[in-house]
């Protein structure tokens, strides 16, 4: 695979991920978190198998787009679960976000 093909796959991957965020957000609102995460992970698994056995570049490109689209559900459901303010992970993520906005990142241990 050439460098150009690899960069094309990466570009399409991020594009599909962005579209997936919008799509899964709406599905999460309409059908609930459980359905969204199961459907997204099933799509991710199926597309990963297609990518594994793809013989042509176009098949690989499409499969990688579908994996990104399915993986985007993790981003949405993660934010959906952060509605519990007492969650330690939520507080940590919020703190890191605020620190990044201020320009000084917290130390990593």
Protein backbone atom coordinates (compact mmCIF):
# COMPACT_ATOMS: atom_id res chain seq x y z
CA UNK A 1 0.00 0.00 0.00
CA UNK A 2 1.36 3.39 -0.93
CA UNK A 3 1.56 6.42 1.33
CA UNK A 4 -1.13 8.11 -0.74
CA UNK A 5 -3.53 5.19 -0.26
CA UNK A 6 -2.83 5.08 3.48
CA UNK A 7 -3.54 8.80 3.83
CA UNK A 8 -6.73 8.40 1.81
CA UNK A 9 -7.90 5.66 4.18
CA UNK A 10 -7.15 7.87 7.17
CA UNK A 11 -9.01 10.84 5.68
CA UNK A 12 -12.07 8.76 4.87
CA UNK A 13 -11.91 7.16 8.32
CA UNK A 14 -12.12 10.54 10.07
CA UNK A 15 -14.88 11.71 7.74
CA UNK A 16 -16.96 8.60 8.45
CA UNK A 17 -16.30 8.96 12.18
CA UNK A 18 -17.62 12.53 12.11
CA UNK A 19 -20.76 11.47 10.25
CA UNK A 20 -21.17 8.58 12.70
CA UNK A 21 -21.10 10.91 15.68
CA UNK A 22 -24.10 12.80 14.31
CA UNK A 23 -25.93 9.61 13.31
CA UNK A 24 -25.36 7.71 16.56
CA UNK A 25 -26.25 10.75 18.62
CA UNK A 26 -29.65 10.85 16.97
CA UNK A 27 -30.13 7.08 17.28
CA UNK A 28 -29.18 7.29 20.95
CA UNK A 29 -31.84 9.97 21.46
CA UNK A 30 -34.52 8.02 19.59
CA UNK A 31 -33.83 4.42 20.60
CA UNK A 32 -31.76 4.62 23.75
CA UNK A 33 -28.17 4.00 24.67
CA UNK A 34 -28.31 0.21 24.77
CA UNK A 35 -29.59 -0.20 21.23
CA UNK A 36 -27.13 2.36 19.88
CA UNK A 37 -24.07 0.77 21.48
CA UNK A 38 -25.04 -2.75 20.42
CA UNK A 39 -25.77 -1.71 16.83
CA UNK A 40 -22.59 0.34 16.58
CA UNK A 41 -20.39 -2.41 17.94
CA UNK A 42 -21.99 -5.01 15.69
CA UNK A 43 -21.34 -2.78 12.69
CA UNK A 44 -17.76 -2.28 13.86
CA UNK A 45 -17.24 -6.06 14.22
CA UNK A 46 -18.74 -6.85 10.83
CA UNK A 47 -16.76 -4.12 9.07
CA UNK A 48 -13.55 -5.27 10.77
CA UNK A 49 -14.06 -8.76 9.37
CA UNK A 50 -14.68 -7.31 5.92
CA UNK A 51 -11.47 -5.27 6.19
CA UNK A 52 -9.55 -8.34 7.29
CA UNK A 53 -10.55 -10.33 4.22
CA UNK A 54 -10.63 -7.50 1.66
CA UNK A 55 -8.64 -8.09 -1.53
CA UNK A 56 -8.98 -4.72 -3.20
CA UNK A 57 -8.22 -1.22 -2.02
CA UNK A 58 -11.81 -0.04 -2.52
CA UNK A 59 -13.11 -2.86 -0.30
CA UNK A 60 -10.61 -1.93 2.39
CA UNK A 61 -11.52 1.75 2.13
CA UNK A 62 -15.24 1.03 2.49
CA UNK A 63 -14.64 -1.39 5.36
CA UNK A 64 -12.50 1.12 7.23
CA UNK A 65 -15.18 3.78 6.75
CA UNK A 66 -17.75 1.42 8.23
CA UNK A 67 -15.49 0.62 11.19
CA UNK A 68 -15.12 4.34 11.87
CA UNK A 69 -18.86 4.85 11.55
CA UNK A 70 -19.50 2.04 14.04
CA UNK A 71 -16.74 3.13 16.41
CA UNK A 72 -18.24 6.61 16.63
CA UNK A 73 -20.97 5.20 18.86
CA UNK A 74 -18.41 4.86 21.64
CA UNK A 75 -17.78 8.58 21.56
CA UNK A 76 -21.47 9.38 21.80
CA UNK A 77 -22.41 6.85 24.47
CA UNK A 78 -19.41 7.95 26.53
CA UNK A 79 -20.77 11.50 26.58
CA UNK A 80 -24.29 10.19 27.22
CA UNK A 81 -23.09 8.33 30.32
CA UNK A 82 -21.32 11.43 31.61
CA UNK A 83 -24.66 12.84 32.80
CA UNK A 84 -23.94 11.45 36.26
CA UNK A 85 -22.11 14.33 37.98
CA UNK A 86 -20.88 12.17 40.83
CA UNK A 87 -18.94 9.89 38.51
CA UNK A 88 -15.22 10.09 39.20
CA UNK A 89 -14.35 9.62 35.52
CA UNK A 90 -16.68 12.45 34.54
CA UNK A 91 -15.04 14.79 37.03
CA UNK A 92 -11.59 13.80 35.78
CA UNK A 93 -12.56 14.31 32.13
CA UNK A 94 -14.12 17.68 32.90
CA UNK A 95 -11.03 18.75 34.82
CA UNK A 96 -8.74 17.75 31.95
CA UNK A 97 -10.92 19.63 29.47
CA UNK A 98 -10.86 22.78 31.57
CA UNK A 99 -7.11 22.52 32.05
CA UNK A 100 -6.56 22.17 28.30
CA UNK A 101 -8.71 25.24 27.65
CA UNK A 102 -6.64 27.21 30.12
CA UNK A 103 -3.48 26.04 28.43
CA UNK A 104 -1.91 24.06 31.25
CA UNK A 105 -2.40 20.32 31.19
CA UNK A 106 -2.43 18.37 34.44
CA UNK A 107 0.57 16.13 35.07
CA UNK A 108 0.38 12.56 33.87
CA UNK A 109 1.49 10.01 36.44
